[in-house]
Amino acid sequence: MRLARWEDGPDIGEGFVVGGRAVPFPDNLTVAKVLAQGLKRARGLFGQVKDDAGRPLDAVRLLAPLVPASIRDFVAFEEHVEGVSASVDGKSEVVPEWYQAPTFYFTNPHTVLGPDEAVAPPVTERLDFELEVAAVLGGPGGSNLDAADAGAAIFGYTIMNDWSARDIQSREMKVRLGPAKGKDFGTSLGPWIVTADELEPFLDADGFLAVRAEVHVNGERVGEDLVSNMGWPFPELVAYASRNSKVVAGDVFGSGTVGNGGCLGELWGRSGELNPPPLQEGDEVRMVVEGIGELAGTVGPAVVPPALPRARSRSRERSRAAV
């Protein structure tokens, strides 16, 4: 099954993609509600779909397939860490701490983009993409899940492009926080959510999702990898996120960038030069993931924000001056 959201004139539709048609859920249900009700409920709804229902896909505009409750983005590919650390931190390395647990950061659910939607980057000289697969959680979620329960809670998967301004990211991560504004401006998801049962044939003997992922810039392939090269399978990412915390239906868990050219930053770090060049206005990035589909996005014009001053030098006095 494929779940999607779309724009049809002034209306927003939510439902299944069946063949070349977008078919609304019955009873005005939404993707969020179906995720919360779980895969069994989704199968029941899918059984009600008629062959001639809905609208042709080319008559609607696909949106991001969900409005995420939250987005956690992991860094689960060792090869990516080896390459990109040189371009962001100036030193190619995989620190010992990476191997201890699947580290992630929270990114912005309010700047999610859909298929073929242009990203509006900040002013940057090193705009980049990141090719990822993301797991989408179904209900009810929970806390301190083990890997088996976390795997059972995964509703499906989608493609994720974590747009990145590497020069901004590099500056702010020197302050021991972030990435923040280096990634805050846009994350593309789509084209739909493919339910987890559809991808079970791609699971290898160790439970890793062995689907092929590729990324193309202006029609030229830049990177390719198997998603099974992650250091941890998706259920373990979700289980770790739930530790001493809570995960819920609609949470999105990015795999982190695949290796072997899953982003430009990795290639820059390995070669020591900006080749291929950073993304520019008008460039198209197209991602293809086996068993899921294609997600394309373009680079729009940079947005210049209002200026803010630098930090002020302060006295560090411990009491107010007398009035």
Protein backbone atom coordinates (compact mmCIF):
# COMPACT_ATOMS: atom_id res chain seq x y z
CA MET A 1 0.00 0.00 0.00
CA ARG A 2 1.01 3.57 -0.69
CA LEU A 3 -0.33 6.46 1.38
CA ALA A 4 -0.18 10.00 0.07
CA ARG A 5 -1.47 13.54 0.36
CA TRP A 6 -2.23 15.74 -2.62
CA GLU A 7 -3.54 19.09 -3.73
CA ASP A 8 -6.50 19.02 -6.11
CA GLY A 9 -7.45 22.57 -6.98
CA PRO A 10 -8.42 24.24 -3.69
CA ASP A 11 -8.78 20.91 -1.89
CA ILE A 12 -6.33 18.70 0.00
CA GLY A 13 -6.82 14.97 -0.51
CA GLU A 14 -5.43 12.17 1.63
CA GLY A 15 -5.58 8.50 0.81
CA PHE A 16 -4.06 5.68 -1.20
CA VAL A 17 -2.16 5.69 -4.48
CA VAL A 18 -3.49 2.76 -6.49
CA GLY A 19 -1.89 2.31 -9.88
CA GLY A 20 -2.00 5.75 -11.43
CA ARG A 21 -4.82 7.09 -9.27
CA ALA A 22 -5.11 9.01 -6.00
CA VAL A 23 -7.99 7.52 -4.01
CA PRO A 24 -9.25 9.35 -0.87
CA PHE A 25 -9.71 7.45 2.37
CA PRO A 26 -13.34 6.76 3.28
CA ASP A 27 -15.03 8.78 6.03
CA ASN A 28 -12.73 11.80 5.49
CA LEU A 29 -9.88 10.04 7.28
CA THR A 30 -6.40 11.58 7.13
CA VAL A 31 -2.94 10.07 6.87
CA ALA A 32 -2.33 11.09 10.50
CA LYS A 33 -5.43 9.22 11.69
CA VAL A 34 -4.62 6.13 9.64
CA LEU A 35 -1.05 6.08 10.99
CA ALA A 36 -2.41 6.28 14.52
CA GLN A 37 -4.77 3.36 13.86
CA GLY A 38 -1.99 1.17 12.46
CA LEU A 39 -1.37 -1.16 9.54
CA LYS A 40 -4.27 -3.53 10.25
CA ARG A 41 -6.74 -0.67 9.98
CA ALA A 42 -5.04 0.57 6.80
CA ARG A 43 -5.45 -2.87 5.20
CA GLY A 44 -9.16 -2.80 6.00
CA LEU A 45 -9.53 0.61 4.39
CA PHE A 46 -7.56 -0.51 1.36
CA GLY A 47 -10.01 -3.37 0.89
CA GLN A 48 -12.76 -0.81 0.29
CA VAL A 49 -10.98 0.81 -2.67
CA LYS A 50 -12.72 0.47 -6.03
CA ASP A 51 -10.72 0.18 -9.24
CA ASP A 52 -12.32 3.24 -10.83
CA ALA A 53 -12.17 5.47 -7.73
CA GLY A 54 -10.22 8.66 -7.20
CA ARG A 55 -8.39 10.98 -9.55
CA PRO A 56 -5.54 10.40 -12.02
CA LEU A 57 -2.19 11.23 -10.43
CA ASP A 58 -1.34 13.60 -13.26
CA ALA A 59 -4.43 15.64 -12.39
CA VAL A 60 -3.29 16.36 -8.81
CA ARG A 61 -0.11 17.69 -7.17
CA LEU A 62 1.48 15.40 -4.63
CA LEU A 63 2.35 16.93 -1.27
CA ALA A 64 4.62 15.58 1.46
CA PRO A 65 2.92 12.30 2.45
CA LEU A 66 2.42 13.34 6.07
CA VAL A 67 2.63 16.27 8.45
CA PRO A 68 5.26 14.82 10.81
CA ALA A 69 4.77 14.83 14.55
CA SER A 70 8.56 15.14 14.76
CA ILE A 71 11.60 14.39 12.62
CA ARG A 72 14.68 12.68 14.02
CA ASP A 73 17.57 12.38 11.60
CA PHE A 74 20.26 9.80 12.38
CA VAL A 75 23.82 9.50 11.11
CA ALA A 76 23.86 5.74 10.57
CA PHE A 77 26.29 5.29 7.64
CA GLU A 78 29.96 4.97 8.58
CA GLU A 79 31.12 5.75 5.04
CA HIS A 80 29.21 9.04 5.05
CA VAL A 81 30.77 10.04 8.38
CA GLU A 82 34.25 9.30 7.05
CA GLY A 83 33.80 11.60 4.08
CA VAL A 84 31.63 14.43 5.30
CA SER A 85 33.58 15.02 8.52
CA ALA A 86 36.47 16.39 6.46
CA SER A 87 34.32 18.95 4.65
CA VAL A 88 32.36 20.04 7.76
CA ASP A 89 34.93 19.65 10.56
CA GLY A 90 38.19 19.78 8.58
CA LYS A 91 39.25 16.26 9.63
CA SER A 92 38.17 12.91 8.17
CA GLU A 93 37.40 10.56 11.02
CA VAL A 94 34.78 8.35 12.64
CA VAL A 95 34.99 9.03 16.35
CA PRO A 96 34.76 5.99 18.69
CA GLU A 97 31.53 7.35 20.13
CA TRP A 98 29.77 6.87 16.77
CA TYR A 99 29.93 3.09 17.20
CA GLN A 100 28.36 3.14 20.65
CA ALA A 101 24.83 4.27 19.74
CA PRO A 102 22.88 5.61 16.72
CA THR A 103 23.12 9.37 17.20
CA PHE A 104 20.44 11.71 15.83
CA TYR A 105 19.32 15.31 15.87
CA PHE A 106 15.83 16.83 15.67
CA THR A 107 15.07 18.81 12.54
CA ASN A 108 12.22 21.16 11.65
CA PRO A 109 8.80 19.58 10.90
CA HIS A 110 7.46 23.00 9.85
CA THR A 111 9.66 23.35 6.75
CA VAL A 112 8.82 20.00 5.15
CA LEU A 113 8.61 20.03 1.35
CA GLY A 114 6.83 17.67 -1.00
CA PRO A 115 7.72 16.15 -4.38
CA ASP A 116 8.93 18.62 -7.03
CA GLU A 117 8.74 21.48 -4.53
CA ALA A 118 11.53 24.07 -4.62
CA VAL A 119 13.66 24.60 -1.55
CA ALA A 120 14.32 28.22 -0.50
CA PRO A 121 17.85 28.05 0.93
CA PRO A 122 19.66 30.63 3.04
CA VAL A 123 22.55 32.55 1.53
CA THR A 124 25.20 29.85 1.30
CA GLU A 125 28.20 28.95 -0.82
CA ARG A 126 27.94 25.20 -0.11
CA LEU A 127 24.36 24.06 -0.66
CA ASP A 128 24.03 20.29 -0.53
CA PHE A 129 21.47 17.48 -0.53
CA GLU A 130 21.38 14.30 1.55
CA LEU A 131 19.93 11.06 0.19
CA GLU A 132 18.09 9.17 2.93
CA VAL A 133 15.31 6.69 3.58
CA ALA A 134 12.98 7.49 6.46
CA ALA A 135 10.82 5.20 8.58
CA VAL A 136 7.38 6.49 9.56
CA LEU A 137 5.91 5.32 12.86
CA GLY A 138 2.38 4.06 13.32
CA GLY A 139 0.34 3.89 16.51
CA PRO A 140 0.49 3.65 19.39
CA GLY A 141 4.24 4.24 19.81
CA GLY A 142 5.61 4.17 23.32
CA SER A 143 8.65 4.49 25.55
CA ASN A 144 11.69 2.26 26.10
CA LEU A 145 10.74 -0.07 23.25
CA ASP A 146 12.89 -3.05 22.45
CA ALA A 147 13.91 -3.60 18.83
CA ALA A 148 11.12 -6.12 18.15
CA ASP A 149 8.37 -3.81 19.39
CA ALA A 150 9.97 -0.84 17.62
CA GLY A 151 10.04 -2.78 14.36
CA ALA A 152 6.39 -3.71 14.73
CA ALA A 153 5.56 -0.02 15.20
CA ILE A 154 7.12 1.02 11.87
CA PHE A 155 4.18 1.72 9.56
CA GLY A 156 6.19 2.34 6.40
CA TYR A 157 8.98 4.15 4.61
CA THR A 158 9.48 7.21 2.43
CA ILE A 159 12.39 9.01 0.74
CA MET A 160 14.00 11.94 2.55
CA ASN A 161 16.21 14.75 1.26
CA ASP A 162 17.87 16.63 4.12
CA TRP A 163 18.90 19.86 2.37
CA SER A 164 22.08 21.26 3.96
CA ALA A 165 24.06 24.51 3.88
CA ARG A 166 27.48 23.09 4.72
CA ASP A 167 29.27 26.39 5.40
CA ILE A 168 26.61 27.45 7.91
CA GLN A 169 26.56 23.96 9.42
CA SER A 170 30.34 23.97 9.84
CA ARG A 171 30.33 27.34 11.63
CA GLU A 172 27.58 26.54 14.08
CA MET A 173 28.82 23.03 14.93
CA LYS A 174 32.10 24.53 16.12
CA VAL A 175 30.02 25.91 19.02
CA ARG A 176 29.24 22.26 19.98
CA LEU A 177 25.59 22.49 18.99
CA GLY A 178 23.68 21.92 15.79
CA PRO A 179 23.26 21.38 13.00
CA ALA A 180 20.64 24.09 13.29
CA LYS A 181 20.28 26.83 10.67
CA GLY A 182 22.49 24.81 8.35
CA LYS A 183 19.53 22.43 7.92
CA ASP A 184 16.54 24.25 9.39
CA PHE A 185 15.22 25.58 6.08
CA GLY A 186 13.96 22.48 4.30
CA THR A 187 13.47 18.71 4.33
CA SER A 188 11.79 16.99 1.39
CA LEU A 189 9.68 13.85 1.94
CA GLY A 190 7.88 11.69 -0.56
CA PRO A 191 6.53 10.78 -2.92
CA TRP A 192 4.37 8.63 -0.61
CA ILE A 193 4.63 6.25 2.34
CA VAL A 194 5.11 2.62 1.29
CA THR A 195 3.87 0.28 4.01
CA ALA A 196 6.47 -1.84 5.76
CA ASP A 197 5.01 -5.14 4.54
CA GLU A 198 5.69 -4.09 0.93
CA LEU A 199 9.42 -3.86 1.68
CA GLU A 200 9.77 -7.08 3.69
CA PRO A 201 11.19 -8.93 0.63
CA PHE A 202 14.16 -6.53 0.76
CA LEU A 203 15.12 -7.36 4.35
CA ASP A 204 18.40 -9.25 4.56
CA ALA A 205 19.24 -12.04 7.00
CA ASP A 206 20.25 -9.51 9.67
CA GLY A 207 17.08 -7.40 9.35
CA PHE A 208 18.63 -4.56 7.33
CA LEU A 209 16.64 -2.98 4.51
CA ALA A 210 18.68 -3.87 1.40
CA VAL A 211 17.12 -1.46 -1.09
CA ARG A 212 19.20 0.37 -3.67
CA ALA A 213 19.29 4.17 -3.44
CA GLU A 214 20.55 6.61 -6.08
CA VAL A 215 20.77 10.39 -6.40
CA HIS A 216 21.00 12.41 -9.62
CA VAL A 217 21.81 16.11 -10.05
CA ASN A 218 20.55 17.62 -13.31
CA GLY A 219 20.22 14.12 -14.74
CA GLU A 220 23.72 12.92 -13.81
CA ARG A 221 24.08 10.21 -11.17
CA VAL A 222 26.22 11.43 -8.29
CA GLY A 223 25.85 8.67 -5.70
CA GLU A 224 24.50 5.17 -5.11
CA ASP A 225 24.41 2.78 -2.18
CA LEU A 226 22.50 -0.01 -0.50
CA VAL A 227 20.54 1.18 2.52
CA SER A 228 21.58 -2.04 4.28
CA ASN A 229 25.02 -0.45 4.78
CA MET A 230 23.61 1.32 7.84
CA GLY A 231 25.33 0.57 11.14
CA TRP A 232 21.97 -0.23 12.74
CA PRO A 233 18.67 -1.42 11.19
CA PHE A 234 15.62 0.83 11.43
CA PRO A 235 13.98 -0.97 14.39
CA GLU A 236 17.07 -0.27 16.47
CA LEU A 237 17.00 3.42 15.49
CA VAL A 238 13.39 3.67 16.69
CA ALA A 239 14.15 1.71 19.86
CA TYR A 240 17.04 4.04 20.69
CA ALA A 241 14.90 7.12 20.07
CA SER A 242 12.31 5.77 22.52
CA ARG A 243 14.82 5.36 25.37
CA ASN A 244 13.79 7.47 28.35
CA SER A 245 11.54 9.33 25.92
CA LYS A 246 8.43 8.75 23.83
CA VAL A 247 7.80 8.06 20.16
CA VAL A 248 4.36 8.46 18.60
CA ALA A 249 2.48 7.85 15.36
CA GLY A 250 3.63 10.28 12.69
CA ASP A 251 7.21 10.49 13.94
CA VAL A 252 9.76 10.34 11.11
CA PHE A 253 13.17 8.66 11.53
CA GLY A 254 15.72 9.50 8.84
CA SER A 255 18.42 6.93 8.18
CA GLY A 256 21.07 9.56 7.75
CA THR A 257 22.88 10.03 4.46
CA VAL A 258 23.87 6.92 2.54
CA GLY A 259 27.52 6.49 1.62
CA ASN A 260 29.28 6.52 -1.75
CA GLY A 261 28.12 9.97 -2.84
CA GLY A 262 24.86 10.25 -0.93
CA CYS A 263 25.72 13.94 -0.56
CA LEU A 264 28.19 16.36 -2.11
CA GLY A 265 29.84 17.02 1.25
CA GLU A 266 31.17 13.46 1.39
CA LEU A 267 32.71 13.83 -2.07
CA TRP A 268 34.22 17.22 -1.18
CA GLY A 269 35.77 15.75 1.95
CA ARG A 270 37.31 12.84 0.08
CA SER A 271 38.69 14.88 -2.83
CA GLY A 272 39.66 18.04 -0.93
CA GLU A 273 37.89 20.23 -3.50
CA LEU A 274 34.37 21.38 -4.34
CA ASN A 275 33.84 18.85 -7.09
CA PRO A 276 31.04 18.24 -8.01
CA PRO A 277 30.17 21.90 -7.39
CA PRO A 278 27.70 23.05 -4.71
CA LEU A 279 24.07 23.25 -5.75
CA GLN A 280 22.90 26.43 -7.46
CA GLU A 281 19.53 28.01 -8.14
CA GLY A 282 17.68 26.00 -10.78
CA ASP A 283 19.44 22.68 -10.10
CA GLU A 284 17.27 19.57 -9.86
CA VAL A 285 18.02 16.80 -7.37
CA ARG A 286 16.28 13.49 -8.07
CA MET A 287 16.42 10.57 -5.65
CA VAL A 288 15.41 7.03 -6.58
CA VAL A 289 14.94 4.30 -3.97
CA GLU A 290 14.09 0.75 -4.92
CA GLY A 291 10.65 -0.33 -3.71
CA ILE A 292 9.62 3.22 -2.82
CA GLY A 293 9.87 5.45 -5.89
CA GLU A 294 11.35 8.81 -6.87
CA LEU A 295 11.57 12.15 -5.07
CA ALA A 296 12.68 15.24 -7.00
CA GLY A 297 13.22 18.79 -5.81
CA THR A 298 14.66 21.97 -7.26
CA VAL A 299 16.76 24.75 -5.80
CA GLY A 300 14.92 28.07 -5.59
CA PRO A 301 16.41 31.53 -5.00
CA ALA A 302 18.21 32.15 -1.72
CA VAL A 303 16.30 34.09 0.92
CA VAL A 304 18.11 36.98 2.62
CA PRO A 305 16.85 37.34 6.22
CA PRO A 306 16.85 40.51 8.34
CA ALA A 307 20.29 41.24 9.76
CA LEU A 308 21.20 40.45 13.37
CA PRO A 309 24.19 41.87 15.25
CA ARG A 310 27.16 39.92 16.56
CA ALA A 311 27.42 39.05 20.25
CA ARG A 312 28.19 42.07 22.42
CA SER A 313 31.13 42.22 24.79
CA ARG A 314 29.74 42.26 28.33
CA SER A 315 31.27 43.20 31.70
CA ARG A 316 30.37 39.99 33.60
CA GLU A 317 29.44 42.05 36.62
CA ARG A 318 27.38 40.16 39.22
CA SER A 319 25.21 43.01 40.48
CA ARG A 320 23.37 45.88 38.85
CA ALA A 321 24.87 49.37 38.93
CA ALA A 322 23.23 51.75 41.39
CA VAL A 323 20.54 53.96 39.89
